[in-house]
Structures are given as structure tokens and as C-alpha cells.
Amino acid sequence: MGKKKIESELIKFGSDPEIHHGSLSDPIYKTSTIIFNSYKDFTKAKKNRFKLPYYGRFGNYTTKRFENLVCRLYASEKSIITGSGLSAITISLLSFLSKGDELLVSENCYEPVFNFCKNELKRFGIKTSFFKNNLPSELEKLINNKTKIIYLESPGSLNYEVEDIEKIVKIAKKNNIKTIIDNTWATFLGFNPLRWGVDVVVESCTKYFSGHSDNFCGIIACSELNYNKIKLTAVRMGDFVSSESCFYALRGLRTLSVRLKKHEENALKIFKFLKKKKIVKEIFFLPDKKNIYHKLWKKYFNNANGLITFGIEKKVGVEKFLDSLSLFKIGFSWGGYESLILPLNQLKPEIKNYKNSLNWFRIHIGLESTEDMIIDLKKGFDNYEKK
């Protein structure tokens, strides 16, 4: 689908005024109990409980409409909506793992994923090994007959390392291993891993997809074969996504392409400002042609976003810098309309930065005026450098 077409389609996806009395938006169906007109209808729904309305936690009209929409966005056979991006990940992992199995996880993964693997999966006798970025030969050495999943996050959400998806998928298929990838950084607009042979794609709608920092929601896109296992796990785990969450995600979808482009434009201006600051010693930003992953990023991805990570020379406590900022508020997450900054103790969950010579920060460039953002950061740097 061409860029112009997708921008038009995003406005029209899932909008059916004719069946909703002229309303451009779907109504929110707040349904826990589904009632049936006859025993025949009941048994039919029970037999097809993942396809037809059966019980609210399995999915009602609102969630099923949103699932159909996600299938269109990712050109997937099936999709599952979950309560958060993290639940989309953990449910996908649990669907294909049993006691005694092993999985391989990219070293740059989201820290909650690291914690889930190291703590929860370990309790159930599942071993996790973390592999270094872009070393296919080293990855292959970790594979054995117990390896069931290769889990990727590309780009990483702290250091933006990019994996060579094509090579990893080839290794996985040769060894009959499932591949799962977190695609939140790029969204479906920037990259569709299914087209490169990845088995399961997860994306957090909490971030750019919804875009307003007021929603939790996760999506899983996959084949029908993988869907049956994952959906069953989601139901048995009691995962639930509210109709309101689906509504807010759909609302964000309407403006996603416009917002993402603006985040990109603003981030490029802030990157150019940071490059000129002597106190800034390192910057991770994929559109930077000097970034070691720039070429690989261009191979797979159609867009950037508003994330930049940088390190400044250690002089005094980070509070002198952070507490001077007014536009860049300290906060987790990213993908909303506002600018955020997060002090980092690690760029990868296993590797701490306490002995590093730099103070590291991740910033999410929001939709505010870039002139005001620059003034804000300059004020922070000036206060930090004062003796």
C-alpha cells in the first residue's frame, strides 16, 4: 500500500456511518455478558468463541472490530488485542514455551521483558539466553534442540540497535524456531515484520499508535495457526482489554501518520542542536548517517520517530540538569504528544552504566515548538555547567 493511500485509508478504516446512524466513530460497546436468542445461537457461539461474540472477556463487538482493523494494517490473517504492550509480549512468549524449553532474547530488549524472562519464566523452568546484536554466527551457537523462540526488539527502545531481520529469520526457519518481534518503535507504518517472515508481531498501542498518553493497549498480529495458541493463552490468563482502550487506539490511528512525521521533523532539529553542544559526547539517533546502524535501518524501515538518547560529560549530579527543565518532564514511556526525558542507569538491562564516564538520558521529542525545546535544553545544560 503506497504512502498516500495509507494516509487516506487511516482516516476511513473502521468507519461505517451507515450502520451507526451517521456516526463517524463506532459506539463503545461496554459488554461483559453476551445474550443469545436461542440455544442454537448459544452452541454456535460456543463452538466459534474466538470468532463470534461469546463472552465479553473473549472480545465483544468493539474489540473484534479493532482486531479486524489490525489485520488490515499488518496484512495478517489474525490479530489479538491485549491489555498492554507488555501483556502482548508475555502472552506471545507463554503460548509457545513449556518447562525445559529455552528462548533467545535480543540483549537490547525492553527492561520489563528482561525481568519477565529472568524472573517469571525462570520460575517455570524456562531458560533465557540473551544474544548480542548483529552477530548471526554467535546467535547460531546459542541454538540447541530446546530452543523454541527467538525474540527481537528492533530498533531497541534505549540504544536503537537494529537487527538484520532477514538473516535471523533464515536461521530461525532452518532450526524450526518461532520468531517474535516488538515493532513498537516503528509502528506498522514504518515496518511490517510479517513480510520478512517473522512469525508473530507485537506492538504497544500505548505509545505512538494511541498517541495521547492516556491509554494502555497491545496488539498481536500473526497467522491463523499461531493465533489459535496465542488467543487460548490470552483467555486462560484472563487478559482483558476494555472497549474504551480500543476506542482511544482507533482515535489515535486517525492522526498517526501526521503525528509521526511531526515527531520526526522535530527530532531532527533537536539532534542538530545536540550535535553542537560540547558537553554532549555521544548521541544515538538512527537518521544520523554516522550511526553504525543507519544503513541497516534504511534497509528495513520507512520512518524514524521522536526518540533520541545522548550522554553528557559527568560534572555534577543529574538533578542540576533535569530539575532545570520545564518542557521536558521526567517520565516513562514515549509516543505521546508531550516531550519527555528519562535518566538512564543502563542502555541494556544487563549492562549498568554506573561506572560510565557519561550521564545518559533518553528524550522523546514531542509536538511542542522546537524553538522552545531548544531554549529548555540550553537552560538545563547551562545550569549543569555552572560551578
Protein backbone atom coordinates (compact mmCIF):
# COMPACT_ATOMS: atom_id res chain seq x y z
CA MET A 1 0.00 0.00 0.00
CA GLY A 2 1.50 3.37 -1.05
CA LYS A 3 2.13 6.12 1.47
CA LYS A 4 -0.56 8.38 0.03
CA LYS A 5 -3.09 5.58 0.09
CA ILE A 6 -2.33 4.54 3.69
CA GLU A 7 -2.72 8.14 4.86
CA SER A 8 -6.18 8.20 3.30
CA GLU A 9 -7.05 4.71 4.50
CA LEU A 10 -6.21 5.56 8.12
CA ILE A 11 -8.99 8.14 8.07
CA LYS A 12 -11.55 5.67 6.73
CA PHE A 13 -10.53 2.39 8.41
CA GLY A 14 -13.31 1.06 10.62
CA SER A 15 -15.70 3.94 9.97
CA ASP A 16 -19.21 2.82 8.96
CA PRO A 17 -21.66 5.72 9.41
CA GLU A 18 -24.42 3.82 7.60
CA ILE A 19 -24.67 1.14 10.29
CA HIS A 20 -24.20 3.59 13.17
CA HIS A 21 -26.89 6.20 12.43
CA GLY A 22 -24.46 8.56 10.70
CA SER A 23 -21.78 8.48 13.37
CA LEU A 24 -18.22 8.66 12.00
CA SER A 25 -16.94 6.74 15.03
CA ASP A 26 -18.03 3.34 16.27
CA PRO A 27 -20.01 3.38 19.53
CA ILE A 28 -18.28 1.87 22.56
CA TYR A 29 -19.84 -1.46 23.47
CA LYS A 30 -19.34 -2.00 27.21
CA THR A 31 -20.35 -5.64 27.38
CA SER A 32 -19.39 -8.33 29.86
CA THR A 33 -22.35 -10.64 29.22
CA ILE A 34 -23.44 -11.63 25.74
CA ILE A 35 -27.02 -12.92 25.47
CA PHE A 36 -28.26 -15.39 22.87
CA ASN A 37 -31.66 -15.59 21.20
CA SER A 38 -31.71 -19.38 21.15
CA TYR A 39 -29.86 -22.48 22.23
CA LYS A 40 -28.76 -22.90 18.62
CA ASP A 41 -27.16 -19.43 18.68
CA PHE A 42 -25.51 -20.24 22.01
CA THR A 43 -23.94 -23.51 20.80
CA LYS A 44 -22.81 -21.85 17.57
CA ALA A 45 -21.09 -19.06 19.52
CA LYS A 46 -19.51 -21.56 21.91
CA LYS A 47 -18.09 -23.55 19.04
CA ASN A 48 -16.72 -20.37 17.44
CA ARG A 49 -15.98 -18.46 20.64
CA PHE A 50 -12.89 -16.72 19.23
CA LYS A 51 -14.75 -15.56 16.12
CA LEU A 52 -18.26 -14.72 17.34
CA PRO A 53 -19.38 -12.73 20.40
CA TYR A 54 -19.45 -15.28 23.24
CA TYR A 55 -18.36 -13.65 26.48
CA GLY A 56 -17.07 -10.11 26.99
CA ARG A 57 -13.57 -11.11 28.10
CA PHE A 58 -13.13 -13.10 24.89
CA GLY A 59 -13.95 -9.98 22.91
CA ASN A 60 -17.12 -8.03 22.18
CA TYR A 61 -18.21 -6.10 19.09
CA THR A 62 -15.75 -3.24 19.76
CA THR A 63 -12.68 -5.42 20.29
CA LYS A 64 -13.49 -7.69 17.35
CA ARG A 65 -13.89 -4.69 15.06
CA PHE A 66 -10.50 -3.46 16.20
CA GLU A 67 -8.93 -6.91 15.63
CA ASN A 68 -10.20 -6.86 12.04
CA LEU A 69 -8.66 -3.43 11.60
CA VAL A 70 -5.27 -4.59 12.89
CA CYS A 71 -5.36 -7.46 10.39
CA ARG A 72 -5.72 -4.89 7.61
CA LEU A 73 -2.90 -2.74 8.97
CA TYR A 74 -0.44 -5.64 9.15
CA ALA A 75 -1.96 -7.68 6.29
CA SER A 76 -2.15 -10.55 8.78
CA GLU A 77 -4.54 -13.48 8.88
CA LYS A 78 -5.37 -12.87 12.53
CA SER A 79 -4.80 -10.44 15.38
CA ILE A 80 -5.33 -10.31 19.13
CA ILE A 81 -5.90 -7.22 21.27
CA THR A 82 -4.44 -7.26 24.79
CA GLY A 83 -4.47 -5.04 27.85
CA SER A 84 -0.97 -3.58 27.29
CA GLY A 85 2.10 -3.88 25.11
CA LEU A 86 3.83 -5.94 27.78
CA SER A 87 0.92 -8.38 28.03
CA ALA A 88 1.05 -8.80 24.24
CA ILE A 89 4.68 -9.85 24.63
CA THR A 90 4.33 -12.11 27.67
CA ILE A 91 1.23 -13.87 26.29
CA SER A 92 3.00 -14.49 22.98
CA LEU A 93 6.02 -15.98 24.76
CA LEU A 94 3.96 -18.19 27.06
CA SER A 95 1.97 -19.54 24.13
CA PHE A 96 4.98 -21.37 22.72
CA LEU A 97 7.04 -22.23 25.82
CA SER A 98 6.89 -25.11 28.29
CA LYS A 99 9.03 -26.34 31.16
CA GLY A 100 12.51 -27.26 29.91
CA ASP A 101 12.33 -25.02 26.83
CA GLU A 102 14.79 -22.27 26.03
CA LEU A 103 14.43 -18.93 24.29
CA LEU A 104 16.86 -16.42 22.87
CA VAL A 105 16.22 -12.74 23.50
CA SER A 106 17.97 -9.74 21.98
CA GLU A 107 20.22 -8.09 24.54
CA ASN A 108 18.71 -4.65 23.90
CA CYS A 109 15.17 -5.71 24.90
CA TYR A 110 12.67 -3.64 26.86
CA GLU A 111 13.59 -3.96 30.57
CA PRO A 112 10.20 -5.41 31.67
CA VAL A 113 10.76 -8.21 29.11
CA PHE A 114 14.20 -8.85 30.61
CA ASN A 115 12.65 -9.01 34.09
CA PHE A 116 9.87 -11.35 32.93
CA CYS A 117 12.35 -13.75 31.38
CA LYS A 118 14.89 -13.66 34.21
CA ASN A 119 12.33 -13.97 36.99
CA GLU A 120 8.96 -15.35 35.91
CA LEU A 121 9.99 -17.73 33.12
CA LYS A 122 12.89 -18.96 35.23
CA ARG A 123 10.43 -19.98 37.98
CA PHE A 124 8.71 -22.27 35.48
CA GLY A 125 11.89 -23.97 34.32
CA ILE A 126 12.33 -21.98 31.11
CA LYS A 127 15.85 -20.76 30.33
CA THR A 128 16.57 -17.44 28.64
CA SER A 129 19.83 -16.57 26.90
CA PHE A 130 20.49 -13.02 25.71
CA PHE A 131 22.30 -12.57 22.41
CA LYS A 132 24.38 -9.66 21.19
CA ASN A 133 23.16 -7.51 18.35
CA ASN A 134 24.03 -8.40 14.75
CA LEU A 135 26.26 -11.39 15.37
CA PRO A 136 24.40 -14.17 13.50
CA SER A 137 27.24 -16.66 13.98
CA GLU A 138 27.16 -16.10 17.74
CA LEU A 139 23.37 -16.42 17.74
CA GLU A 140 23.58 -19.78 16.00
CA LYS A 141 25.97 -21.07 18.66
CA LEU A 142 23.28 -20.50 21.31
CA ILE A 143 20.69 -22.62 19.49
CA ASN A 144 20.04 -26.19 20.61
CA ASN A 145 17.17 -28.66 20.36
CA LYS A 146 15.45 -26.99 23.33
CA THR A 147 15.35 -23.54 21.68
CA LYS A 148 11.76 -22.65 20.81
CA ILE A 149 11.73 -18.86 20.32
CA ILE A 150 13.98 -16.06 19.09
CA TYR A 151 12.62 -12.80 20.47
CA LEU A 152 13.66 -9.47 18.92
CA GLU A 153 13.23 -5.80 19.61
CA SER A 154 14.38 -3.77 16.64
CA PRO A 155 15.24 -0.97 16.97
CA GLY A 156 15.83 -1.18 20.72
CA SER A 157 13.98 1.46 22.73
CA LEU A 158 17.06 2.81 24.57
CA ASN A 159 20.03 2.48 22.21
CA TYR A 160 18.17 1.86 18.90
CA GLU A 161 20.25 -1.12 17.84
CA VAL A 162 18.85 -2.63 14.66
CA GLU A 163 18.77 -6.34 13.91
CA ASP A 164 19.30 -7.85 10.47
CA ILE A 165 15.84 -9.43 10.44
CA GLU A 166 16.35 -11.29 7.18
CA LYS A 167 19.38 -13.19 8.50
CA ILE A 168 17.76 -14.03 11.83
CA VAL A 169 14.56 -15.29 10.21
CA LYS A 170 16.63 -17.52 7.93
CA ILE A 171 18.43 -19.01 10.96
CA ALA A 172 15.13 -19.48 12.82
CA LYS A 173 13.37 -21.24 9.94
CA LYS A 174 16.35 -23.53 9.39
CA ASN A 175 16.07 -24.63 13.04
CA ASN A 176 12.24 -24.66 13.22
CA ILE A 177 12.17 -21.84 15.78
CA LYS A 178 9.40 -19.25 16.20
CA THR A 179 10.31 -15.58 15.80
CA ILE A 180 8.55 -12.83 17.75
CA ILE A 181 9.35 -9.13 17.37
CA ASP A 182 8.39 -5.96 19.23
CA ASN A 183 7.58 -3.43 16.48
CA THR A 184 6.53 -0.51 18.72
CA TRP A 185 9.41 1.77 17.69
CA ALA A 186 8.40 1.88 14.03
CA THR A 187 4.68 1.02 14.18
CA PHE A 188 3.06 -0.77 11.24
CA LEU A 189 3.63 2.41 9.18
CA GLY A 190 7.39 2.07 9.36
CA PHE A 191 7.90 -1.68 9.14
CA ASN A 192 5.89 -4.86 8.66
CA PRO A 193 7.96 -7.79 10.01
CA LEU A 194 5.43 -10.33 8.72
CA ARG A 195 6.54 -9.54 5.19
CA TRP A 196 10.09 -10.50 6.16
CA GLY A 197 9.00 -13.87 7.53
CA VAL A 198 8.65 -13.09 11.23
CA ASP A 199 6.01 -15.32 12.84
CA VAL A 200 4.47 -13.01 15.45
CA VAL A 201 4.48 -9.21 15.67
CA VAL A 202 3.60 -7.29 18.81
CA GLU A 203 3.09 -3.56 19.13
CA SER A 204 2.24 -1.40 22.10
CA CYS A 205 -0.71 0.82 21.23
CA THR A 206 0.08 2.69 24.44
CA LYS A 207 2.72 4.68 22.57
CA TYR A 208 2.59 6.19 19.08
CA PHE A 209 -0.48 4.26 17.97
CA SER A 210 -2.74 5.91 20.58
CA GLY A 211 -0.52 8.97 20.86
CA HIS A 212 -2.11 10.80 23.79
CA SER A 213 -0.53 9.19 26.88
CA ASP A 214 -3.95 8.18 28.15
CA ASN A 215 -4.31 4.58 27.01
CA PHE A 216 -2.99 1.07 27.59
CA CYS A 217 -3.41 -1.45 24.80
CA GLY A 218 -1.36 -4.07 22.94
CA ILE A 219 -1.76 -5.81 19.61
CA ILE A 220 -0.52 -9.13 18.25
CA ALA A 221 -0.51 -9.86 14.51
CA CYS A 222 0.10 -13.39 13.26
CA SER A 223 -1.06 -16.30 11.12
CA GLU A 224 -4.23 -18.24 11.90
CA LEU A 225 -2.15 -21.22 13.04
CA ASN A 226 -0.27 -19.15 15.64
CA TYR A 227 -3.44 -17.27 16.56
CA ASN A 228 -5.16 -20.33 18.00
CA LYS A 229 -2.40 -20.90 20.54
CA ILE A 230 -1.96 -17.26 21.48
CA LYS A 231 -5.66 -16.47 21.81
CA LEU A 232 -6.22 -19.52 24.01
CA THR A 233 -3.35 -18.40 26.26
CA ALA A 234 -4.74 -14.86 26.47
CA VAL A 235 -8.17 -16.16 27.51
CA ARG A 236 -6.78 -18.60 30.06
CA MET A 237 -4.51 -15.90 31.51
CA GLY A 238 -7.52 -13.66 32.00
CA ASP A 239 -6.08 -10.84 29.90
CA PHE A 240 -8.65 -8.21 29.07
CA VAL A 241 -8.73 -5.03 27.03
CA SER A 242 -11.52 -2.54 27.57
CA SER A 243 -13.71 -1.22 24.80
CA GLU A 244 -12.56 2.29 25.74
CA SER A 245 -8.94 1.29 25.09
CA CYS A 246 -9.85 0.12 21.60
CA PHE A 247 -11.76 3.33 21.00
CA TYR A 248 -8.81 5.51 22.09
CA ALA A 249 -6.39 3.49 19.95
CA LEU A 250 -8.64 3.94 16.93
CA ARG A 251 -8.86 7.65 17.66
CA GLY A 252 -5.07 7.87 17.69
CA LEU A 253 -4.82 5.89 14.48
CA ARG A 254 -6.61 8.65 12.55
CA THR A 255 -3.76 11.10 13.11
CA LEU A 256 -0.83 8.68 13.44
CA SER A 257 0.86 9.37 10.10
CA VAL A 258 0.68 13.16 10.63
CA ARG A 259 1.91 12.98 14.23
CA LEU A 260 4.74 10.59 13.45
CA LYS A 261 6.00 12.83 10.65
CA LYS A 262 5.99 15.83 13.01
CA HIS A 263 7.83 13.86 15.71
CA GLU A 264 10.47 13.01 13.09
CA GLU A 265 10.84 16.62 11.93
CA ASN A 266 11.14 17.94 15.48
CA ALA A 267 13.62 15.25 16.49
CA LEU A 268 15.91 16.09 13.57
CA LYS A 269 16.06 19.74 14.69
CA ILE A 270 16.84 18.75 18.28
CA PHE A 271 19.50 16.31 17.08
CA LYS A 272 21.23 19.11 15.16
CA PHE A 273 21.16 21.27 18.30
CA LEU A 274 22.62 18.50 20.47
CA LYS A 275 25.43 17.87 17.96
CA LYS A 276 26.69 21.39 18.51
CA LYS A 277 26.85 21.12 22.31
CA LYS A 278 30.37 20.30 23.51
CA ILE A 279 29.05 18.77 26.71
CA VAL A 280 27.12 16.17 24.67
CA LYS A 281 29.65 13.42 23.99
CA GLU A 282 27.52 10.73 22.34
CA ILE A 283 24.17 10.69 20.55
CA PHE A 284 22.12 7.70 19.41
CA PHE A 285 19.76 8.71 16.61
CA LEU A 286 19.12 6.46 13.61
CA PRO A 287 18.68 9.18 10.94
CA ASP A 288 22.26 10.23 11.78
CA LYS A 289 24.34 8.95 8.84
CA LYS A 290 27.25 8.34 11.22
CA ASN A 291 25.16 5.97 13.34
CA ILE A 292 26.53 2.44 12.93
CA TYR A 293 23.00 1.09 12.34
CA HIS A 294 21.94 3.78 9.87
CA LYS A 295 22.32 1.64 6.72
CA LEU A 296 20.60 -1.36 8.28
CA TRP A 297 17.78 0.89 9.49
CA LYS A 298 17.33 2.26 5.96
CA LYS A 299 17.15 -1.32 4.64
CA TYR A 300 14.09 -2.19 6.71
CA PHE A 301 12.34 0.96 7.92
CA ASN A 302 10.29 3.68 6.26
CA ASN A 303 10.29 6.18 9.11
CA ALA A 304 12.05 7.49 12.19
CA ASN A 305 10.34 8.78 15.34
CA GLY A 306 10.93 11.19 18.21
CA LEU A 307 13.42 9.19 20.28
CA ILE A 308 17.00 10.33 20.91
CA THR A 309 19.45 9.04 23.51
CA PHE A 310 22.51 11.08 24.46
CA GLY A 311 25.31 11.08 27.00
CA ILE A 312 26.80 14.17 28.64
CA GLU A 313 30.06 14.57 30.47
CA LYS A 314 29.81 13.84 34.19
CA LYS A 315 30.31 17.02 36.21
CA VAL A 316 27.72 17.23 38.94
CA GLY A 317 24.54 15.39 39.88
CA VAL A 318 21.99 14.88 37.10
CA GLU A 319 19.37 16.72 39.15
CA LYS A 320 21.07 20.02 38.29
CA PHE A 321 20.29 19.37 34.64
CA LEU A 322 16.92 17.64 34.99
CA ASP A 323 15.37 20.00 37.53
CA SER A 324 16.17 22.98 35.32
CA LEU A 325 13.92 21.72 32.55
CA SER A 326 10.30 22.79 32.22
CA LEU A 327 9.16 21.40 28.85
CA PHE A 328 11.00 18.08 29.15
CA LYS A 329 9.26 16.39 32.05
CA ILE A 330 10.78 13.31 33.69
CA GLY A 331 8.60 10.35 32.79
CA PHE A 332 8.49 6.80 31.48
CA SER A 333 7.08 5.73 28.13
CA TRP A 334 7.05 7.73 24.90
CA GLY A 335 4.95 8.23 21.82
CA GLY A 336 2.58 10.85 23.25
CA TYR A 337 2.26 14.47 22.20
CA GLU A 338 4.47 15.76 25.03
CA SER A 339 8.27 15.87 25.33
CA LEU A 340 9.78 13.62 28.00
CA ILE A 341 13.21 12.89 29.43
CA LEU A 342 14.37 9.81 31.30
CA PRO A 343 17.72 9.43 33.12
CA LEU A 344 19.23 6.02 32.34
CA ASN A 345 21.24 3.67 34.52
CA GLN A 346 21.64 1.24 31.65
CA LEU A 347 21.38 1.14 27.87
CA LYS A 348 20.75 -2.60 28.03
CA PRO A 349 19.10 -4.34 31.01
CA GLU A 350 22.17 -6.44 31.81
CA ILE A 351 24.75 -3.69 31.42
CA LYS A 352 24.74 -0.97 34.08
CA ASN A 353 26.21 2.48 33.41
CA TYR A 354 27.17 3.44 36.95
CA LYS A 355 30.91 3.33 36.13
CA ASN A 356 30.44 5.02 32.78
CA SER A 357 32.07 8.40 32.26
CA LEU A 358 28.81 9.84 30.90
CA ASN A 359 25.37 10.63 32.27
CA TRP A 360 22.84 9.14 29.87
CA PHE A 361 19.34 10.37 29.01
CA ARG A 362 16.62 9.31 26.62
CA ILE A 363 14.39 12.06 25.34
CA HIS A 364 11.14 11.77 23.47
CA ILE A 365 10.62 14.77 21.22
CA GLY A 366 7.00 15.81 21.37
CA LEU A 367 4.88 18.17 19.32
CA GLU A 368 5.80 21.43 21.06
CA SER A 369 7.70 24.21 19.34
CA THR A 370 11.29 23.09 18.66
CA GLU A 371 12.48 26.64 19.43
CA ASP A 372 11.02 26.29 22.92
CA MET A 373 12.53 22.81 23.33
CA ILE A 374 15.98 24.14 22.42
CA ILE A 375 15.64 27.01 24.90
CA ASP A 376 14.62 24.49 27.56
CA LEU A 377 17.55 22.13 26.93
CA LYS A 378 20.01 25.02 26.70
CA LYS A 379 18.85 26.26 30.10
CA GLY A 380 19.39 22.79 31.52
CA PHE A 381 22.89 22.48 30.06
CA ASP A 382 23.84 25.98 31.25
CA ASN A 383 22.78 25.23 34.83
CA TYR A 384 24.53 21.89 34.74
CA GLU A 385 27.83 23.51 33.68
CA LYS A 386 27.73 26.25 36.33
CA LYS A 387 30.35 25.86 39.03
